[in-house]
Protein backbone atom coordinates (compact mmCIF):
# COMPACT_ATOMS: atom_id res chain seq x y z
CA MET A 1 -7.96 -33.16 -15.32
CA GLN A 2 -8.83 -33.61 -19.03
CA ALA A 3 -6.39 -35.47 -21.11
CA ASN A 4 -5.95 -32.68 -23.62
CA GLN A 5 -5.43 -30.00 -20.99
CA GLN A 6 -2.05 -28.71 -19.75
CA PRO A 7 -1.35 -29.47 -16.11
CA LYS A 8 -2.22 -26.63 -13.61
CA GLU A 9 -0.76 -25.88 -10.17
CA TRP A 10 -4.25 -26.52 -8.75
CA ASP A 11 -4.34 -30.06 -10.05
CA ILE A 12 -2.87 -31.34 -6.77
CA TYR A 13 -6.08 -30.20 -5.01
CA PRO A 14 -9.12 -32.40 -5.85
CA VAL A 15 -12.40 -30.67 -6.16
CA PRO A 16 -13.92 -31.30 -2.79
CA ALA A 17 -17.58 -31.00 -3.80
CA ASP A 18 -19.60 -33.93 -5.20
CA PRO A 19 -20.53 -33.53 -8.87
CA GLY A 20 -23.35 -36.11 -8.57
CA LYS A 21 -23.70 -39.73 -9.55
CA GLY A 22 -22.49 -40.27 -13.16
CA TYR A 23 -20.94 -36.81 -13.36
CA THR A 24 -17.40 -35.41 -13.19
CA TRP A 25 -15.92 -31.92 -12.97
CA GLN A 26 -14.97 -30.05 -16.17
CA LEU A 27 -12.66 -27.16 -15.80
CA LEU A 28 -14.03 -23.83 -17.33
CA PRO A 29 -11.88 -21.33 -19.48
CA LEU A 30 -12.21 -18.53 -17.02
CA SER A 31 -10.00 -20.31 -14.60
CA ASP A 32 -6.73 -18.36 -14.22
CA ASP A 33 -3.43 -19.39 -12.61
CA PHE A 34 -2.06 -15.83 -12.98
CA ASN A 35 1.29 -17.24 -14.16
CA TYR A 36 1.98 -14.27 -16.36
CA THR A 37 2.76 -10.60 -15.91
CA ALA A 38 0.24 -7.80 -16.13
CA GLU A 39 1.45 -4.30 -15.37
CA ALA A 40 -0.76 -2.02 -13.20
CA THR A 41 -1.26 0.50 -16.09
CA ASP A 42 -1.01 -1.84 -19.13
CA LYS A 43 -2.47 -5.25 -18.19
CA GLY A 44 -1.70 -6.89 -21.60
CA PRO A 45 -3.65 -9.46 -23.63
CA GLU A 46 -3.46 -12.52 -21.30
CA PHE A 47 -5.12 -10.63 -18.39
CA THR A 48 -7.63 -8.63 -20.54
CA ALA A 49 -8.88 -11.82 -22.34
CA LYS A 50 -10.58 -12.76 -19.08
CA TRP A 51 -10.64 -9.64 -16.79
CA LYS A 52 -11.20 -5.97 -16.79
CA ASP A 53 -9.64 -3.80 -14.05
CA THR A 54 -12.85 -1.97 -13.11
CA TYR A 55 -16.18 -2.80 -11.41
CA HIS A 56 -19.02 -4.12 -13.47
CA ASN A 57 -20.63 -0.72 -13.64
CA SER A 58 -19.64 2.92 -13.02
CA TRP A 59 -19.95 2.79 -9.18
CA GLN A 60 -16.66 3.82 -7.50
CA GLY A 61 -16.97 1.64 -4.40
CA PRO A 62 -18.55 1.63 -0.96
CA GLY A 63 -17.86 4.06 1.90
CA LEU A 64 -14.45 5.61 1.64
CA THR A 65 -13.41 3.29 -1.17
CA GLN A 66 -12.36 4.66 -4.53
CA TRP A 67 -11.49 1.78 -6.94
CA ARG A 68 -8.54 2.51 -9.30
CA ARG A 69 -7.51 0.63 -12.28
CA ASP A 70 -3.76 0.95 -11.38
CA HIS A 71 -4.21 -0.79 -8.06
CA SER A 72 -4.31 -4.32 -9.54
CA TRP A 73 -1.53 -6.16 -11.36
CA VAL A 74 -0.13 -9.64 -11.88
CA LYS A 75 3.47 -10.53 -10.86
CA ASN A 76 5.35 -13.43 -9.59
CA GLY A 77 2.49 -15.75 -10.17
CA HIS A 78 -0.06 -13.86 -8.27
CA LEU A 79 -2.83 -11.31 -8.79
CA VAL A 80 -2.17 -8.34 -6.46
CA ILE A 81 -5.00 -6.21 -5.16
CA ALA A 82 -3.47 -3.15 -3.63
CA ALA A 83 -4.67 -0.33 -1.31
CA SER A 84 -3.27 3.20 -0.78
CA ARG A 85 -4.27 6.62 0.54
CA LYS A 86 -5.95 9.05 -1.81
CA PRO A 87 -3.65 12.03 -1.20
CA GLY A 88 -5.20 14.79 0.97
CA THR A 89 -8.26 12.86 1.83
CA ARG A 90 -9.68 10.12 3.96
CA LYS A 91 -10.47 8.05 0.95
CA VAL A 92 -8.75 4.79 0.11
CA TYR A 93 -7.71 3.85 -3.39
CA ALA A 94 -8.20 0.08 -3.94
CA GLY A 95 -7.90 -2.40 -6.73
CA ILE A 96 -10.70 -4.39 -8.33
CA ILE A 97 -11.03 -6.75 -11.28
CA THR A 98 -14.24 -8.08 -12.89
CA SER A 99 -14.60 -11.10 -15.09
CA ARG A 100 -15.52 -10.57 -18.75
CA GLU A 101 -17.57 -13.79 -18.76
CA ARG A 102 -20.48 -14.54 -16.40
CA VAL A 103 -20.92 -17.79 -14.56
CA ILE A 104 -24.01 -19.65 -13.49
CA TYR A 105 -24.98 -22.80 -11.45
CA PRO A 106 -24.17 -25.63 -11.26
CA LEU A 107 -20.71 -24.25 -10.62
CA TYR A 108 -17.82 -24.91 -8.30
CA VAL A 109 -15.43 -21.97 -7.79
CA GLU A 110 -12.34 -21.90 -5.67
CA THR A 111 -9.50 -19.49 -5.02
CA ARG A 112 -6.19 -19.73 -3.27
CA ALA A 113 -5.57 -16.47 -1.67
CA ARG A 114 -3.85 -14.55 1.15
CA LEU A 115 -5.69 -11.70 2.87
CA SER A 116 -4.23 -8.21 3.33
CA ASN A 117 -3.26 -7.06 6.78
CA LEU A 118 -5.74 -4.18 6.81
CA VAL A 119 -9.19 -3.44 8.22
CA LEU A 120 -10.32 -3.34 4.61
CA SER A 121 -12.14 -6.40 3.22
CA SER A 122 -10.36 -8.76 1.01
CA GLY A 123 -13.11 -10.13 -1.24
CA VAL A 124 -13.78 -12.73 -4.00
CA TRP A 125 -17.38 -12.69 -4.91
CA MET A 126 -20.12 -13.04 -7.59
CA LEU A 127 -22.84 -10.55 -8.41
CA SER A 128 -25.58 -10.43 -10.91
CA PRO A 129 -25.49 -7.61 -13.53
CA ASP A 130 -28.55 -6.00 -12.02
CA ASP A 131 -26.98 -6.06 -8.54
CA THR A 132 -29.88 -8.10 -7.06
CA GLN A 133 -28.11 -11.53 -6.30
CA GLU A 134 -24.65 -12.01 -4.78
CA ILE A 135 -22.53 -14.97 -3.56
CA ASP A 136 -19.45 -14.37 -1.49
CA ILE A 137 -16.62 -16.89 -1.91
CA VAL A 138 -14.49 -15.15 0.66
CA GLU A 139 -15.00 -11.90 2.41
CA ALA A 140 -12.57 -11.33 5.31
CA TYR A 141 -10.74 -8.72 7.36
CA GLY A 142 -7.11 -9.61 8.14
CA SER A 143 -5.88 -6.67 10.21
CA ASP A 144 -3.47 -7.46 13.06
CA ARG A 145 -4.69 -4.57 15.21
CA PRO A 146 -5.34 -6.04 18.78
CA ASP A 147 -8.97 -4.95 18.68
CA GLN A 148 -9.49 -6.82 15.42
CA LYS A 149 -8.55 -10.25 16.55
CA TRP A 150 -12.11 -11.52 16.33
CA TYR A 151 -12.30 -10.64 12.59
CA ALA A 152 -8.71 -11.87 11.89
CA GLU A 153 -9.79 -15.27 13.10
CA ARG A 154 -13.05 -15.52 11.01
CA ILE A 155 -14.06 -15.81 7.37
CA HIS A 156 -17.46 -14.39 6.28
CA LEU A 157 -19.29 -17.00 4.18
CA SER A 158 -22.39 -15.33 2.96
CA HIS A 159 -24.70 -14.39 0.18
CA HIS A 160 -27.11 -11.59 -0.44
CA VAL A 161 -30.42 -10.95 -2.21
CA PHE A 162 -31.39 -7.32 -2.79
CA ILE A 163 -34.31 -5.19 -3.77
CA ARG A 164 -32.79 -2.07 -5.24
CA ALA A 165 -35.78 0.39 -4.80
CA PRO A 166 -36.60 1.01 -2.06
CA PHE A 167 -33.29 -0.66 -1.12
CA GLN A 168 -33.53 -3.86 0.89
CA ASP A 169 -30.75 -6.30 1.67
CA TYR A 170 -31.02 -9.77 3.08
CA GLN A 171 -28.09 -11.96 4.10
CA PRO A 172 -27.88 -14.80 6.68
CA LYS A 173 -27.02 -13.64 10.19
CA ASP A 174 -26.58 -16.91 11.89
CA PRO A 175 -23.32 -17.65 13.72
CA GLY A 176 -22.24 -20.10 11.04
CA SER A 177 -21.85 -17.22 8.52
CA TRP A 178 -18.67 -16.29 10.41
CA TYR A 179 -16.47 -19.37 10.15
CA TYR A 180 -13.87 -19.92 12.98
CA ASN A 181 -11.37 -22.74 13.61
CA GLY A 182 -8.65 -20.89 15.44
CA THR A 183 -6.65 -19.94 12.25
CA VAL A 184 -5.36 -16.34 11.80
CA TRP A 185 -6.23 -16.27 8.04
CA ARG A 186 -3.87 -13.51 6.99
CA GLU A 187 -0.69 -15.43 7.88
CA GLU A 188 -0.91 -17.99 4.99
CA PHE A 189 -2.50 -18.71 1.65
CA HIS A 190 -5.83 -20.70 2.01
CA ARG A 191 -8.23 -22.17 -0.41
CA TYR A 192 -11.80 -20.77 -0.32
CA GLY A 193 -14.52 -22.44 -2.42
CA VAL A 194 -18.21 -22.41 -3.13
CA TYR A 195 -20.38 -25.05 -4.77
CA TRP A 196 -23.38 -23.17 -6.28
CA GLN A 197 -25.31 -26.37 -6.77
CA ASP A 198 -28.67 -24.77 -7.72
CA PRO A 199 -30.67 -21.61 -6.82
CA TRP A 200 -31.43 -22.90 -3.38
CA HIS A 201 -28.21 -24.72 -2.28
CA LEU A 202 -24.70 -23.41 -1.54
CA GLU A 203 -21.77 -25.26 -0.02
CA TYR A 204 -18.66 -23.53 1.30
CA TYR A 205 -15.33 -25.15 1.40
CA ILE A 206 -12.11 -23.98 3.09
CA ASP A 207 -8.74 -25.78 2.40
CA GLY A 208 -10.89 -28.65 0.92
CA GLN A 209 -13.08 -29.14 3.85
CA LEU A 210 -16.94 -28.57 3.79
CA VAL A 211 -17.52 -25.92 6.51
CA ARG A 212 -20.96 -24.56 5.77
CA THR A 213 -24.07 -25.56 3.87
CA VAL A 214 -26.93 -23.12 3.13
CA SER A 215 -30.02 -24.79 1.56
CA GLY A 216 -33.67 -23.91 1.14
CA GLN A 217 -35.71 -20.80 0.97
CA ASP A 218 -35.66 -20.19 4.75
CA ILE A 219 -32.07 -19.25 4.58
CA ILE A 220 -31.54 -18.33 0.93
CA ASP A 221 -34.43 -15.89 0.43
CA PRO A 222 -36.78 -15.95 3.46
CA TYR A 223 -38.52 -12.63 2.48
CA ASN A 224 -39.08 -13.70 -1.11
CA PHE A 225 -36.98 -10.83 -2.61
CA THR A 226 -36.30 -13.09 -5.70
CA LYS A 227 -40.05 -13.92 -6.06
CA GLY A 228 -39.49 -17.55 -5.82
CA THR A 229 -36.41 -17.91 -8.11
CA GLY A 230 -33.65 -18.09 -5.50
CA LEU A 231 -30.07 -17.49 -6.69
CA ASN A 232 -30.86 -18.10 -10.29
CA LYS A 233 -29.07 -15.40 -12.27
CA ALA A 234 -25.73 -15.45 -14.19
CA MET A 235 -23.14 -13.51 -12.19
CA ASP A 236 -19.98 -11.53 -12.80
CA VAL A 237 -16.92 -12.61 -10.73
CA ILE A 238 -15.21 -9.83 -8.72
CA ILE A 239 -11.97 -9.72 -6.82
CA ASP A 240 -11.29 -6.58 -4.77
CA ALA A 241 -10.52 -4.64 -1.60
CA GLU A 242 -13.13 -2.35 0.01
CA ASP A 243 -13.26 0.22 2.86
CA GLN A 244 -16.79 -0.67 3.85
CA ASP A 245 -18.92 1.94 5.45
CA TRP A 246 -20.30 -0.27 8.27
CA ARG A 247 -16.67 -0.36 9.49
CA SER A 248 -15.41 3.15 8.69
CA ASP A 249 -18.56 4.68 10.29
CA GLU A 250 -17.23 3.11 13.55
CA GLY A 251 -13.75 4.52 12.89
CA LEU A 252 -12.38 1.32 11.36
CA THR A 253 -10.30 2.55 8.47
CA PRO A 254 -6.61 2.11 7.67
CA THR A 255 -4.05 4.63 8.81
CA ASP A 256 -1.68 6.41 6.50
CA GLU A 257 1.10 4.21 7.84
CA GLU A 258 -0.84 0.93 7.17
CA LEU A 259 -1.61 1.99 3.64
CA ALA A 260 2.07 2.77 2.94
CA ASP A 261 3.24 -0.59 4.34
CA ASP A 262 3.96 -3.05 1.57
CA SER A 263 3.88 -5.95 4.10
CA LYS A 264 0.17 -5.08 4.81
CA ARG A 265 -1.55 -3.43 1.96
CA PHE A 266 -1.66 -6.25 -0.63
CA PHE A 267 -4.33 -8.92 -1.09
CA TYR A 268 -2.76 -11.88 -3.05
CA ILE A 269 -4.58 -14.35 -5.24
CA ASP A 270 -2.48 -17.27 -6.42
CA TRP A 271 -5.25 -18.79 -8.67
CA ILE A 272 -8.93 -19.13 -9.18
CA ARG A 273 -10.61 -22.06 -10.82
CA PHE A 274 -14.14 -22.79 -12.09
CA TYR A 275 -15.71 -26.13 -12.79
CA LYS A 276 -19.11 -27.38 -13.90
CA PRO A 277 -20.41 -31.01 -13.56
CA VAL A 278 -20.62 -32.92 -16.81
CA PRO A 279 -21.64 -36.42 -17.69
CA GLN A 280 -18.55 -38.65 -17.17
CA ASP A 281 -18.31 -39.66 -20.81
CA SER A 282 -17.94 -36.06 -21.85
CA SER A 283 -15.23 -35.06 -19.36
CA ASP A 284 -12.51 -35.17 -21.96
CA ILE A 285 -13.96 -32.35 -23.95
CA THR A 286 -12.31 -28.99 -23.29
CA PRO A 287 -14.96 -26.19 -23.49
């Protein structure tokens, strides 16, 4: 923590990634502890200084998703991403927020979050403005339905590179991309982090432990969609819920009852923090 910086609730958790010899971690201003109030329909200046309550372009969401501005708010120290039924349809209203500032490597990002108890995704992720490069910090499916136990016990740790036209999408499919340690993730808050060290190296951390490393062209971009650059673009930060078509096409979509249940339909984010490595003698400078 810098000497001229107010204490934050995340200070009790050291950054688990290594900034490199002679470097230390400097907190970035986009970091947010959500210790303020932002109403669903009037977010107020503290929220809007860092976030907007929409996607980063005019797309309304995948599959049955329809993102709505009034399905996100900040209350009791948490960002809340809500889901509900769009009346008279199969569609699902869901919340989303996008950062006003973009981030780029080298970057450590970590969030403390609790998944919703729905078959929707609970997601914190980063995406380039042209939708060609993506890094997922957490993507998970917390439903307590008996046939969803496999997903409830796993966290998807992934990234994508895309060609938009004709559309192509690469992401790793190895078993390590679905992290398992026996935890049912929806039951508690957990910390999910990614160290985006450079365009060819990602490290994934859960509750302060390194659980996955993805490094080199063979796993970052084996089909050369990025034409040799890797994950090199500045990205928007997105926090949302989604009814994804690969699931709804198989009948996996929330019921009206689930979407009306306040014990299930909320994805909670306690905080999100961002750091960059800086030379140790400059660590007392607040950006």
